[in-house]
PDB file of N, CA and C in Angstrom:
ATOM      1  N   MET A   1     116.486  96.330  84.672  1.00  0.00           N
ATOM      2  CA  MET A   1     115.589  95.400  85.317  1.00  0.00           C
ATOM      3  C   MET A   1     114.491  96.131  86.074  1.00  0.00           C
ATOM      4  N   MET A   2     114.826  97.265  86.656  1.00  0.00           N
ATOM      5  CA  MET A   2     113.816  98.024  87.406  1.00  0.00           C
ATOM      6  C   MET A   2     112.776  98.614  86.457  1.00  0.00           C
ATOM      7  N   ALA A   3     113.222  99.018  85.271  1.00  0.00           N
ATOM      8  CA  ALA A   3     112.311  99.665  84.336  1.00  0.00           C
ATOM      9  C   ALA A   3     111.242  98.714  83.840  1.00  0.00           C
ATOM     10  N   VAL A   4     111.555  97.438  83.765  1.00  0.00           N
ATOM     11  CA  VAL A   4     110.589  96.464  83.258  1.00  0.00           C
ATOM     12  C   VAL A   4     109.366  96.407  84.153  1.00  0.00           C
ATOM     13  N   THR A   5     109.564  96.403  85.450  1.00  0.00           N
ATOM     14  CA  THR A   5     108.416  96.304  86.358  1.00  0.00           C
ATOM     15  C   THR A   5     107.784  97.663  86.638  1.00  0.00           C
ATOM     16  N   THR A   6     108.589  98.690  86.737  1.00  0.00           N
ATOM     17  CA  THR A   6     108.069 100.009  87.103  1.00  0.00           C
ATOM     18  C   THR A   6     107.304 100.664  85.970  1.00  0.00           C
ATOM     19  N   LEU A   7     107.837 100.603  84.773  1.00  0.00           N
ATOM     20  CA  LEU A   7     107.262 101.338  83.655  1.00  0.00           C
ATOM     21  C   LEU A   7     106.587 100.425  82.637  1.00  0.00           C
ATOM     22  N   SER A   8     106.155  99.241  83.072  1.00  0.00           N
ATOM     23  CA  SER A   8     105.467  98.349  82.150  1.00  0.00           C
ATOM     24  C   SER A   8     104.045  98.850  81.899  1.00  0.00           C
ATOM     25  N   LEU A   9     103.528  98.513  80.755  1.00  0.00           N
ATOM     26  CA  LEU A   9     102.195  98.971  80.369  1.00  0.00           C
ATOM     27  C   LEU A   9     101.106  98.478  81.324  1.00  0.00           C
ATOM     28  N   PRO A  10     101.094  97.214  81.740  1.00  0.00           N
ATOM     29  CA  PRO A  10     100.048  96.789  82.683  1.00  0.00           C
ATOM     30  C   PRO A  10     100.078  97.541  84.015  1.00  0.00           C
ATOM     31  N   SER A  11     101.280  97.808  84.535  1.00  0.00           N
ATOM     32  CA  SER A  11     101.342  98.532  85.807  1.00  0.00           C
ATOM     33  C   SER A  11     100.891  99.975  85.640  1.00  0.00           C
ATOM     34  N   LEU A  12     101.214 100.590  84.498  1.00  0.00           N
ATOM     35  CA  LEU A  12     100.767 101.963  84.267  1.00  0.00           C
ATOM     36  C   LEU A  12      99.251 102.040  84.084  1.00  0.00           C
ATOM     37  N   ILE A  13      98.665 101.026  83.468  1.00  0.00           N
ATOM     38  CA  ILE A  13      97.206 101.003  83.311  1.00  0.00           C
ATOM     39  C   ILE A  13      96.533 100.894  84.676  1.00  0.00           C
ATOM     40  N   MET A  14      97.084 100.036  85.554  1.00  0.00           N
ATOM     41  CA  MET A  14      96.502  99.917  86.897  1.00  0.00           C
ATOM     42  C   MET A  14      96.685 101.202  87.696  1.00  0.00           C
ATOM     43  N   LEU A  15      97.850 101.835  87.561  1.00  0.00           N
ATOM     44  CA  LEU A  15      98.077 103.091  88.269  1.00  0.00           C
ATOM     45  C   LEU A  15      97.170 104.200  87.759  1.00  0.00           C
ATOM     46  N   ARG A  16      96.883 104.191  86.459  1.00  0.00           N
ATOM     47  CA  ARG A  16      96.030 105.229  85.883  1.00  0.00           C
ATOM     48  C   ARG A  16      94.636 105.198  86.487  1.00  0.00           C
ATOM     49  N   LYS A  17      94.196 104.023  86.885  1.00  0.00           N
ATOM     50  CA  LYS A  17      92.870 103.900  87.490  1.00  0.00           C
ATOM     51  C   LYS A  17      92.829 104.419  88.927  1.00  0.00           C
ATOM     52  N   SER A  18      94.007 104.504  89.574  1.00  0.00           N
ATOM     53  CA  SER A  18      94.001 104.873  90.989  1.00  0.00           C
ATOM     54  C   SER A  18      94.606 106.242  91.295  1.00  0.00           C
ATOM     55  N   VAL A  19      95.347 106.842  90.362  1.00  0.00           N
ATOM     56  CA  VAL A  19      95.941 108.151  90.625  1.00  0.00           C
ATOM     57  C   VAL A  19      95.552 109.138  89.528  1.00  0.00           C
ATOM     58  N   LYS A  20      95.717 110.411  89.825  1.00  0.00           N
ATOM     59  CA  LYS A  20      95.399 111.458  88.859  1.00  0.00           C
ATOM     60  C   LYS A  20      96.441 111.484  87.742  1.00  0.00           C
ATOM     61  N   PRO A  21      96.070 111.962  86.553  1.00  0.00           N
ATOM     62  CA  PRO A  21      97.007 111.975  85.421  1.00  0.00           C
ATOM     63  C   PRO A  21      98.299 112.749  85.690  1.00  0.00           C
ATOM     64  N   LYS A  22      98.207 113.910  86.369  1.00  0.00           N
ATOM     65  CA  LYS A  22      99.415 114.690  86.664  1.00  0.00           C
ATOM     66  C   LYS A  22     100.374 113.894  87.540  1.00  0.00           C
ATOM     67  N   LEU A  23      99.826 113.204  88.535  1.00  0.00           N
ATOM     68  CA  LEU A  23     100.658 112.410  89.430  1.00  0.00           C
ATOM     69  C   LEU A  23     101.273 111.230  88.695  1.00  0.00           C
ATOM     70  N   LEU A  24     100.550 110.638  87.766  1.00  0.00           N
ATOM     71  CA  LEU A  24     101.083 109.524  86.982  1.00  0.00           C
ATOM     72  C   LEU A  24     102.241 109.978  86.094  1.00  0.00           C
ATOM     73  N   VAL A  25     102.097 111.150  85.478  1.00  0.00           N
ATOM     74  CA  VAL A  25     103.177 111.688  84.654  1.00  0.00           C
ATOM     75  C   VAL A  25     104.397 111.994  85.526  1.00  0.00           C
ATOM     76  N   LEU A  26     104.179 112.541  86.699  1.00  0.00           N
ATOM     77  CA  LEU A  26     105.273 112.825  87.624  1.00  0.00           C
ATOM     78  C   LEU A  26     105.963 111.531  88.053  1.00  0.00           C
ATOM     79  N   PHE A  27     105.193 110.513  88.338  1.00  0.00           N
ATOM     80  CA  PHE A  27     105.739 109.209  88.718  1.00  0.00           C
ATOM     81  C   PHE A  27     106.601 108.627  87.598  1.00  0.00           C
ATOM     82  N   ILE A  28     106.095 108.681  86.372  1.00  0.00           N
ATOM     83  CA  ILE A  28     106.853 108.156  85.232  1.00  0.00           C
ATOM     84  C   ILE A  28     108.150 108.941  85.052  1.00  0.00           C
ATOM     85  N   GLY A  29     108.086 110.258  85.165  1.00  0.00           N
ATOM     86  CA  GLY A  29     109.280 111.084  85.004  1.00  0.00           C
ATOM     87  C   GLY A  29     110.329 110.821  86.067  1.00  0.00           C
ATOM     88  N   ILE A  30     109.903 110.770  87.325  1.00  0.00           N
ATOM     89  CA  ILE A  30     110.839 110.533  88.419  1.00  0.00           C
ATOM     90  C   ILE A  30     111.455 109.141  88.307  1.00  0.00           C
ATOM     91  N   CYS A  31     110.643 108.152  87.994  1.00  0.00           N
ATOM     92  CA  CYS A  31     111.167 106.786  87.864  1.00  0.00           C
ATOM     93  C   CYS A  31     112.144 106.680  86.701  1.00  0.00           C
ATOM     94  N   THR A  32     111.822 107.302  85.573  1.00  0.00           N
ATOM     95  CA  THR A  32     112.707 107.246  84.414  1.00  0.00           C
ATOM     96  C   THR A  32     114.048 107.900  84.720  1.00  0.00           C
ATOM     97  N   ILE A  33     114.008 109.086  85.293  1.00  0.00           N
ATOM     98  CA  ILE A  33     115.254 109.786  85.629  1.00  0.00           C
ATOM     99  C   ILE A  33     116.042 109.014  86.682  1.00  0.00           C
ATOM    100  N   GLY A  34     115.356 108.487  87.671  1.00  0.00           N
ATOM    101  CA  GLY A  34     116.033 107.720  88.718  1.00  0.00           C
ATOM    102  C   GLY A  34     116.686 106.460  88.182  1.00  0.00           C
ATOM    103  N   ILE A  35     115.994 105.746  87.308  1.00  0.00           N
ATOM    104  CA  ILE A  35     116.546 104.522  86.738  1.00  0.00           C
ATOM    105  C   ILE A  35     117.762 104.833  85.882  1.00  0.00           C
ATOM    106  N   ILE A  36     117.705 105.901  85.109  1.00  0.00           N
ATOM    107  CA  ILE A  36     118.852 106.294  84.284  1.00  0.00           C
ATOM    108  C   ILE A  36     120.035 106.676  85.158  1.00  0.00           C
ATOM    109  N   LEU A  37     119.799 107.448  86.220  1.00  0.00           N
ATOM    110  CA  LEU A  37     120.893 107.852  87.112  1.00  0.00           C
ATOM    111  C   LEU A  37     121.514 106.655  87.827  1.00  0.00           C
ATOM    112  N   VAL A  38     120.691 105.719  88.261  1.00  0.00           N
ATOM    113  CA  VAL A  38     121.226 104.527  88.917  1.00  0.00           C
ATOM    114  C   VAL A  38     122.054 103.713  87.926  1.00  0.00           C
ATOM    115  N   GLY A  39     121.615 103.628  86.683  1.00  0.00           N
ATOM    116  CA  GLY A  39     122.383 102.928  85.656  1.00  0.00           C
ATOM    117  C   GLY A  39     123.739 103.569  85.436  1.00  0.00           C
ATOM    118  N   TYR A  40     123.773 104.889  85.330  1.00  0.00           N
ATOM    119  CA  TYR A  40     125.053 105.581  85.178  1.00  0.00           C
ATOM    120  C   TYR A  40     125.937 105.385  86.407  1.00  0.00           C
ATOM    121  N   LEU A  41     125.347 105.395  87.595  1.00  0.00           N
ATOM    122  CA  LEU A  41     126.117 105.197  88.820  1.00  0.00           C
ATOM    123  C   LEU A  41     126.757 103.816  88.847  1.00  0.00           C
ATOM    124  N   PHE A  42     125.993 102.785  88.510  1.00  0.00           N
ATOM    125  CA  PHE A  42     126.552 101.436  88.494  1.00  0.00           C
ATOM    126  C   PHE A  42     127.620 101.287  87.418  1.00  0.00           C
ATOM    127  N   ASN A  43     127.437 101.932  86.282  1.00  0.00           N
ATOM    128  CA  ASN A  43     128.466 101.875  85.245  1.00  0.00           C
ATOM    129  C   ASN A  43     129.734 102.576  85.709  1.00  0.00           C
ATOM    130  N   ALA A  44     129.612 103.667  86.444  1.00  0.00           N
ATOM    131  CA  ALA A  44     130.783 104.365  86.967  1.00  0.00           C
ATOM    132  C   ALA A  44     131.490 103.549  88.028  1.00  0.00           C
ATOM    133  N   LEU A  45     130.716 102.874  88.872  1.00  0.00           N
ATOM    134  CA  LEU A  45     131.300 102.063  89.939  1.00  0.00           C
ATOM    135  C   LEU A  45     131.899 100.766  89.420  1.00  0.00           C
ATOM    136  N   GLN A  46     131.492 100.339  88.251  1.00  0.00           N
ATOM    137  CA  GLN A  46     131.993  99.093  87.677  1.00  0.00           C
ATOM    138  C   GLN A  46     133.512  99.158  87.491  1.00  0.00           C
ATOM    139  N   PHE A  47     134.032 100.300  87.082  1.00  0.00           N
ATOM    140  CA  PHE A  47     135.463 100.435  86.871  1.00  0.00           C
ATOM    141  C   PHE A  47     136.241 100.387  88.198  1.00  0.00           C
ATOM    142  N   LEU A  48     135.612 100.769  89.285  1.00  0.00           N
ATOM    143  CA  LEU A  48     136.281 100.723  90.586  1.00  0.00           C
ATOM    144  C   LEU A  48     136.323  99.307  91.145  1.00  0.00           C
ATOM    145  N   LEU A  49     135.350  98.490  90.790  1.00  0.00           N
ATOM    146  CA  LEU A  49     135.264  97.148  91.359  1.00  0.00           C
ATOM    147  C   LEU A  49     136.068  96.119  90.568  1.00  0.00           C
ATOM    148  N   ILE A  50     136.399  96.437  89.333  1.00  0.00           N
ATOM    149  CA  ILE A  50     137.129  95.446  88.502  1.00  0.00           C
ATOM    150  C   ILE A  50     138.618  95.651  88.640  1.00  0.00           C
TER     151      ILE A  50
END
């Protein structure tokens, strides 16, 4: 759900107009890695809660 809003094409187009390309690539990388890690964390915690 987070990836839909964070890494959507319209939001990236708006960000491209306001930040430098290197910073945009860094933002995409950090968000992608963070979203994947949070997904793995919730999947790991799912077994503890059930």
